[in-house]
Each structure stands twice: as C-alpha cells, then as structure tokens.
C-alpha cells in the first residue's frame, strides 16, 4: 500500500499535468493585476515541483506582501483563471483531448458537465 502512495505518477499523467501547467502559465499575463500574477506564478511553480504545502506566509515573505494581500490576490487569481478557462472553453477542449488520448473514458463526463459550445 505504501508503494502506491509514494510511487511516481504514470507517464501519461505527467504528460497531461505538464500540458495543463503550460496552458495555465500562458494564461497568467491575462490575470491583469500584478500581485495576482505573482502569487499565482509562485503557486504554479510549487505545484509543478509537487510542493503542495506552500503557505500564504511563505508567499508573502517571498513577494514582500502581507498575508492578507496574498489571500486576496490568490482568490482573485483563481477566480480570474476560472473565468478565462470558461470563456475560452478550455475545459471542454481539455476534456475532448483527454478523451481522444484515452485518459478519460467517454462515460466519465459529458459535454454538459462543461457547458455548451
């Protein structure tokens, strides 16, 4: 059981993960606010390195912001990313690509899960 928890992710999963990070990185300049971009960049870098324990205090110390500013910037950053993904239909495109590559079974999600084109 422990081996399953500590094993490296499958190569297919890593390829999808890298592609997702690439897309998100391309969207960061569209967030608008400098603090939101900087906070999201640090979060993205940590996630890319499988460091999921990045605290608001660590981000604040790194960027020279207050913890409150980090929380607000993070919230705005995720909200804006979600809006951009929705507006661009990136969720539907990603799902379609994952299906084509066999990573997602066609019965797992429907197009209605992600809105209509």
N, C-alpha and C. Protein backbone atom coordinates (compact mmCIF):
# COMPACT_ATOMS: atom_id res chain seq x y z
N UNK A 1 0.83 -1.20 0.00
CA UNK A 1 0.00 0.00 0.00
C UNK A 1 0.86 1.25 0.00
N UNK A 2 1.91 1.27 0.80
CA UNK A 2 2.79 2.42 0.86
C UNK A 2 3.45 2.69 -0.48
N UNK A 3 3.80 1.63 -1.21
CA UNK A 3 4.41 1.80 -2.53
C UNK A 3 3.49 2.57 -3.46
N UNK A 4 2.21 2.31 -3.40
CA UNK A 4 1.25 3.01 -4.26
C UNK A 4 1.18 4.49 -3.92
N UNK A 5 1.36 4.82 -2.66
CA UNK A 5 1.29 6.22 -2.25
C UNK A 5 2.55 7.00 -2.60
N UNK A 6 3.68 6.32 -2.63
CA UNK A 6 4.94 7.02 -2.87
C UNK A 6 5.45 6.84 -4.29
N UNK A 7 4.77 6.03 -5.08
CA UNK A 7 5.21 5.78 -6.45
C UNK A 7 5.08 7.04 -7.30
N UNK A 8 5.94 7.12 -8.30
CA UNK A 8 5.87 8.23 -9.24
C UNK A 8 4.57 8.12 -10.04
N UNK A 9 3.97 9.27 -10.41
CA UNK A 9 2.75 9.22 -11.22
C UNK A 9 3.06 8.58 -12.58
N UNK A 10 2.07 7.94 -13.19
CA UNK A 10 2.29 7.35 -14.51
C UNK A 10 2.74 8.41 -15.50
N UNK A 11 3.49 7.99 -16.51
CA UNK A 11 3.99 8.93 -17.51
C UNK A 11 2.87 9.68 -18.21
N UNK A 12 1.75 9.01 -18.47
CA UNK A 12 0.63 9.66 -19.13
C UNK A 12 0.09 10.80 -18.26
N UNK A 13 -0.01 10.53 -16.98
CA UNK A 13 -0.49 11.55 -16.04
C UNK A 13 0.46 12.75 -16.05
N UNK A 14 1.73 12.50 -16.04
CA UNK A 14 2.71 13.59 -16.05
C UNK A 14 2.62 14.41 -17.33
N UNK A 15 2.38 13.75 -18.46
CA UNK A 15 2.25 14.47 -19.73
C UNK A 15 1.04 15.40 -19.70
N UNK A 16 -0.06 14.91 -19.19
CA UNK A 16 -1.27 15.72 -19.08
C UNK A 16 -1.03 16.87 -18.10
N UNK A 17 -0.37 16.56 -17.01
CA UNK A 17 -0.06 17.56 -15.98
C UNK A 17 0.82 18.68 -16.56
N UNK A 18 1.86 18.30 -17.29
CA UNK A 18 2.73 19.31 -17.92
C UNK A 18 1.97 20.19 -18.89
N UNK A 19 1.09 19.58 -19.67
CA UNK A 19 0.29 20.35 -20.62
C UNK A 19 -0.63 21.33 -19.89
N UNK A 20 -1.23 20.88 -18.80
CA UNK A 20 -2.10 21.77 -18.02
C UNK A 20 -1.30 22.95 -17.46
N UNK A 21 -0.12 22.68 -16.93
CA UNK A 21 0.71 23.77 -16.41
C UNK A 21 1.12 24.74 -17.52
N UNK A 22 1.40 24.21 -18.68
CA UNK A 22 1.76 25.06 -19.82
C UNK A 22 0.62 26.01 -20.17
N UNK A 23 -0.59 25.47 -20.19
CA UNK A 23 -1.76 26.30 -20.51
C UNK A 23 -1.96 27.36 -19.45
N UNK A 24 -1.90 26.98 -18.18
CA UNK A 24 -2.09 27.94 -17.10
C UNK A 24 -1.02 29.02 -17.15
N UNK A 25 0.22 28.63 -17.39
CA UNK A 25 1.32 29.60 -17.46
C UNK A 25 1.06 30.63 -18.56
N UNK A 26 0.50 30.18 -19.68
CA UNK A 26 0.19 31.10 -20.79
C UNK A 26 -0.94 32.06 -20.42
N UNK A 27 -1.79 31.66 -19.50
CA UNK A 27 -2.93 32.50 -19.11
C UNK A 27 -2.57 33.53 -18.04
N UNK A 28 -1.48 33.33 -17.32
CA UNK A 28 -1.13 34.22 -16.20
C UNK A 28 -1.08 35.70 -16.58
N UNK A 29 -0.50 36.07 -17.72
CA UNK A 29 -0.48 37.50 -18.06
C UNK A 29 -1.86 38.11 -18.23
N UNK A 30 -2.85 37.29 -18.47
CA UNK A 30 -4.22 37.78 -18.66
C UNK A 30 -4.94 38.04 -17.35
N UNK A 31 -4.32 37.73 -16.23
CA UNK A 31 -4.96 37.96 -14.94
C UNK A 31 -5.09 39.44 -14.62
N UNK A 32 -4.21 40.23 -15.21
CA UNK A 32 -4.31 41.68 -15.03
C UNK A 32 -3.52 42.24 -13.88
N UNK A 33 -3.90 41.97 -12.68
CA UNK A 33 -3.27 42.56 -11.51
C UNK A 33 -1.90 41.93 -11.24
N UNK A 34 -0.91 42.78 -10.99
CA UNK A 34 0.46 42.33 -10.77
C UNK A 34 0.57 41.36 -9.59
N UNK A 35 -0.07 41.67 -8.48
CA UNK A 35 0.01 40.79 -7.31
C UNK A 35 -0.62 39.43 -7.58
N UNK A 36 -1.75 39.43 -8.26
CA UNK A 36 -2.42 38.16 -8.58
C UNK A 36 -1.51 37.31 -9.47
N UNK A 37 -0.88 37.94 -10.44
CA UNK A 37 0.03 37.22 -11.32
C UNK A 37 1.20 36.64 -10.54
N UNK A 38 1.80 37.44 -9.68
CA UNK A 38 2.96 37.00 -8.91
C UNK A 38 2.61 35.85 -7.96
N UNK A 39 1.49 35.98 -7.28
CA UNK A 39 1.05 34.92 -6.34
C UNK A 39 0.76 33.64 -7.11
N UNK A 40 0.04 33.75 -8.21
CA UNK A 40 -0.31 32.56 -8.98
C UNK A 40 0.94 31.93 -9.60
N UNK A 41 1.90 32.72 -9.96
CA UNK A 41 3.16 32.19 -10.50
C UNK A 41 3.87 31.34 -9.45
N UNK A 42 3.94 31.84 -8.23
CA UNK A 42 4.58 31.06 -7.15
C UNK A 42 3.82 29.77 -6.87
N UNK A 43 2.50 29.85 -6.84
CA UNK A 43 1.68 28.66 -6.61
C UNK A 43 1.90 27.65 -7.73
N UNK A 44 1.95 28.13 -8.96
CA UNK A 44 2.16 27.26 -10.11
C UNK A 44 3.53 26.59 -10.04
N UNK A 45 4.56 27.37 -9.72
CA UNK A 45 5.91 26.81 -9.60
C UNK A 45 5.97 25.73 -8.52
N UNK A 46 5.33 25.98 -7.40
CA UNK A 46 5.33 24.99 -6.31
C UNK A 46 4.59 23.73 -6.75
N UNK A 47 3.46 23.90 -7.41
CA UNK A 47 2.69 22.74 -7.86
C UNK A 47 3.47 21.94 -8.90
N UNK A 48 4.17 22.63 -9.78
CA UNK A 48 4.97 21.94 -10.79
C UNK A 48 6.05 21.08 -10.15
N UNK A 49 6.53 21.50 -9.00
CA UNK A 49 7.56 20.77 -8.27
C UNK A 49 6.97 19.83 -7.23
N UNK A 50 5.66 19.61 -7.29
CA UNK A 50 4.94 18.73 -6.36
C UNK A 50 5.05 19.22 -4.92
N UNK A 51 5.20 20.53 -4.72
CA UNK A 51 5.26 21.12 -3.39
C UNK A 51 3.89 21.74 -3.09
N UNK A 52 3.03 20.95 -2.51
CA UNK A 52 1.66 21.40 -2.30
C UNK A 52 1.46 22.11 -0.96
N UNK A 53 2.50 22.31 -0.21
CA UNK A 53 2.40 22.89 1.13
C UNK A 53 2.87 24.35 1.19
N UNK A 54 2.76 25.08 0.11
CA UNK A 54 3.18 26.48 0.09
C UNK A 54 2.16 27.31 0.86
N UNK A 55 2.60 27.94 1.93
CA UNK A 55 1.68 28.70 2.79
C UNK A 55 1.57 30.15 2.33
N UNK A 56 0.51 30.79 2.79
CA UNK A 56 0.34 32.21 2.50
C UNK A 56 1.51 33.01 3.07
N UNK A 57 1.99 32.62 4.24
CA UNK A 57 3.12 33.32 4.85
C UNK A 57 4.38 33.19 3.99
N UNK A 58 4.62 32.00 3.44
CA UNK A 58 5.79 31.81 2.57
C UNK A 58 5.68 32.67 1.32
N UNK A 59 4.50 32.73 0.75
CA UNK A 59 4.28 33.56 -0.44
C UNK A 59 4.48 35.03 -0.08
N UNK A 60 3.92 35.44 1.05
CA UNK A 60 4.04 36.84 1.49
C UNK A 60 5.52 37.21 1.70
N UNK A 61 6.26 36.33 2.37
CA UNK A 61 7.68 36.59 2.61
C UNK A 61 8.46 36.68 1.30
N UNK A 62 8.15 35.82 0.36
CA UNK A 62 8.86 35.79 -0.92
C UNK A 62 8.58 37.04 -1.74
N UNK A 63 7.34 37.48 -1.73
CA UNK A 63 6.94 38.60 -2.59
C UNK A 63 6.95 39.96 -1.87
N UNK A 64 7.16 39.94 -0.57
CA UNK A 64 7.14 41.20 0.17
C UNK A 64 5.74 41.78 0.32
N UNK A 65 4.76 40.90 0.43
CA UNK A 65 3.37 41.31 0.60
C UNK A 65 2.89 40.93 1.99
N UNK A 66 1.74 41.45 2.38
CA UNK A 66 1.13 41.00 3.63
C UNK A 66 0.38 39.69 3.35
N UNK A 67 0.14 38.92 4.39
CA UNK A 67 -0.61 37.68 4.24
C UNK A 67 -2.02 37.98 3.71
N UNK A 68 -2.62 39.07 4.19
CA UNK A 68 -3.94 39.45 3.72
C UNK A 68 -3.94 39.74 2.22
N UNK A 69 -2.90 40.46 1.75
CA UNK A 69 -2.80 40.74 0.32
C UNK A 69 -2.62 39.46 -0.49
N UNK A 70 -1.86 38.51 0.05
CA UNK A 70 -1.66 37.22 -0.63
C UNK A 70 -3.00 36.49 -0.76
N UNK A 71 -3.76 36.46 0.32
CA UNK A 71 -5.06 35.77 0.29
C UNK A 71 -5.98 36.39 -0.75
N UNK A 72 -6.03 37.71 -0.79
CA UNK A 72 -6.89 38.39 -1.77
C UNK A 72 -6.40 38.15 -3.19
N UNK A 73 -5.09 38.24 -3.40
CA UNK A 73 -4.53 38.04 -4.73
C UNK A 73 -4.75 36.60 -5.20
N UNK A 74 -4.59 35.63 -4.30
CA UNK A 74 -4.80 34.23 -4.64
C UNK A 74 -6.26 34.00 -5.04
N UNK A 75 -7.18 34.54 -4.25
CA UNK A 75 -8.60 34.38 -4.55
C UNK A 75 -8.94 35.00 -5.92
N UNK A 76 -8.46 36.22 -6.14
CA UNK A 76 -8.72 36.88 -7.43
C UNK A 76 -8.07 36.11 -8.57
N UNK A 77 -6.86 35.63 -8.35
CA UNK A 77 -6.15 34.88 -9.39
C UNK A 77 -6.91 33.63 -9.81
N UNK A 78 -7.36 32.84 -8.84
CA UNK A 78 -8.11 31.63 -9.16
C UNK A 78 -9.45 31.96 -9.81
N UNK A 79 -10.10 33.01 -9.33
CA UNK A 79 -11.39 33.40 -9.93
C UNK A 79 -11.19 33.83 -11.38
N UNK A 80 -10.17 34.63 -11.63
CA UNK A 80 -9.92 35.10 -12.99
C UNK A 80 -9.50 33.95 -13.91
N UNK A 81 -8.66 33.05 -13.40
CA UNK A 81 -8.29 31.87 -14.20
C UNK A 81 -9.52 31.06 -14.57
N UNK A 82 -10.39 30.83 -13.59
CA UNK A 82 -11.61 30.06 -13.84
C UNK A 82 -12.47 30.74 -14.90
N UNK A 83 -12.58 32.06 -14.80
CA UNK A 83 -13.39 32.81 -15.78
C UNK A 83 -12.79 32.71 -17.18
N UNK A 84 -11.47 32.86 -17.27
CA UNK A 84 -10.80 32.78 -18.57
C UNK A 84 -10.96 31.38 -19.17
N UNK A 85 -10.76 30.36 -18.35
CA UNK A 85 -10.91 28.98 -18.81
C UNK A 85 -12.32 28.76 -19.33
N UNK A 86 -13.32 29.27 -18.59
CA UNK A 86 -14.70 29.12 -19.01
C UNK A 86 -14.97 29.89 -20.30
N UNK A 87 -14.53 31.15 -20.36
CA UNK A 87 -14.78 31.98 -21.54
C UNK A 87 -14.13 31.40 -22.79
N UNK A 88 -12.95 30.83 -22.63
CA UNK A 88 -12.22 30.28 -23.76
C UNK A 88 -12.63 28.85 -24.10
N UNK A 89 -13.46 28.25 -23.25
CA UNK A 89 -13.87 26.87 -23.48
C UNK A 89 -12.74 25.88 -23.29
N UNK A 90 -11.75 26.26 -22.50
CA UNK A 90 -10.59 25.40 -22.32
C UNK A 90 -10.92 24.11 -21.59
N UNK A 91 -11.89 24.14 -20.70
CA UNK A 91 -12.29 22.92 -20.01
C UNK A 91 -12.83 21.89 -20.98
N UNK A 92 -13.66 22.32 -21.91
CA UNK A 92 -14.23 21.42 -22.91
C UNK A 92 -13.14 20.91 -23.85
N UNK A 93 -12.23 21.80 -24.25
CA UNK A 93 -11.15 21.40 -25.14
C UNK A 93 -10.24 20.38 -24.48
N UNK A 94 -9.92 20.63 -23.22
CA UNK A 94 -9.04 19.71 -22.50
C UNK A 94 -9.71 18.35 -22.33
N UNK A 95 -10.99 18.34 -22.01
CA UNK A 95 -11.71 17.09 -21.85
C UNK A 95 -11.73 16.31 -23.17
N UNK A 96 -12.00 17.00 -24.26
CA UNK A 96 -12.02 16.35 -25.57
C UNK A 96 -10.66 15.73 -25.89
N UNK A 97 -9.60 16.48 -25.61
CA UNK A 97 -8.24 15.98 -25.88
C UNK A 97 -7.93 14.77 -25.00
N UNK A 98 -8.30 14.82 -23.75
CA UNK A 98 -8.06 13.70 -22.85
C UNK A 98 -8.82 12.46 -23.33
N UNK A 99 -10.03 12.66 -23.81
CA UNK A 99 -10.79 11.52 -24.35
C UNK A 99 -10.10 10.94 -25.57
N UNK A 100 -9.66 11.81 -26.48
CA UNK A 100 -9.01 11.35 -27.69
C UNK A 100 -7.74 10.55 -27.38
N UNK A 101 -7.05 10.95 -26.34
CA UNK A 101 -5.81 10.27 -25.97
C UNK A 101 -6.05 9.09 -25.04
N UNK A 102 -7.33 8.84 -24.70
CA UNK A 102 -7.67 7.68 -23.91
C UNK A 102 -7.44 7.83 -22.41
N UNK A 103 -7.26 9.05 -21.92
CA UNK A 103 -7.03 9.26 -20.50
C UNK A 103 -8.35 9.34 -19.72
N UNK A 104 -9.43 9.68 -20.41
CA UNK A 104 -10.74 9.80 -19.78
C UNK A 104 -11.71 8.97 -20.61
N UNK A 105 -12.45 8.12 -19.93
CA UNK A 105 -13.49 7.33 -20.61
C UNK A 105 -14.62 8.27 -21.01
N UNK A 106 -15.21 8.05 -22.13
CA UNK A 106 -16.26 8.94 -22.61
C UNK A 106 -17.47 8.96 -21.69
N UNK A 107 -17.64 7.94 -20.85
CA UNK A 107 -18.78 7.91 -19.94
C UNK A 107 -18.51 8.64 -18.63
N UNK A 108 -17.25 9.04 -18.39
CA UNK A 108 -16.92 9.69 -17.12
C UNK A 108 -17.52 11.08 -17.02
N UNK A 109 -17.53 11.81 -18.11
CA UNK A 109 -18.08 13.18 -18.14
C UNK A 109 -18.82 13.36 -19.44
N UNK A 110 -19.73 14.30 -19.44
CA UNK A 110 -20.42 14.64 -20.67
C UNK A 110 -20.13 16.10 -20.98
N UNK A 111 -20.42 16.50 -22.19
CA UNK A 111 -20.19 17.89 -22.57
C UNK A 111 -21.00 18.83 -21.69
N UNK A 112 -22.17 18.37 -21.20
CA UNK A 112 -22.99 19.20 -20.35
C UNK A 112 -22.28 19.55 -19.04
N UNK A 113 -21.33 18.69 -18.62
CA UNK A 113 -20.57 18.98 -17.42
C UNK A 113 -19.79 20.28 -17.54
N UNK A 114 -19.49 20.65 -18.77
CA UNK A 114 -18.63 21.81 -19.00
C UNK A 114 -19.32 22.88 -19.84
N UNK A 115 -20.60 22.81 -19.96
CA UNK A 115 -21.35 23.82 -20.70
C UNK A 115 -21.43 23.47 -22.17
N UNK A 116 -22.15 24.25 -22.91
CA UNK A 116 -22.32 24.03 -24.35
C UNK A 116 -21.37 24.91 -25.12
N UNK A 117 -20.97 24.42 -26.28
CA UNK A 117 -20.10 25.22 -27.17
C UNK A 117 -20.86 26.31 -27.86
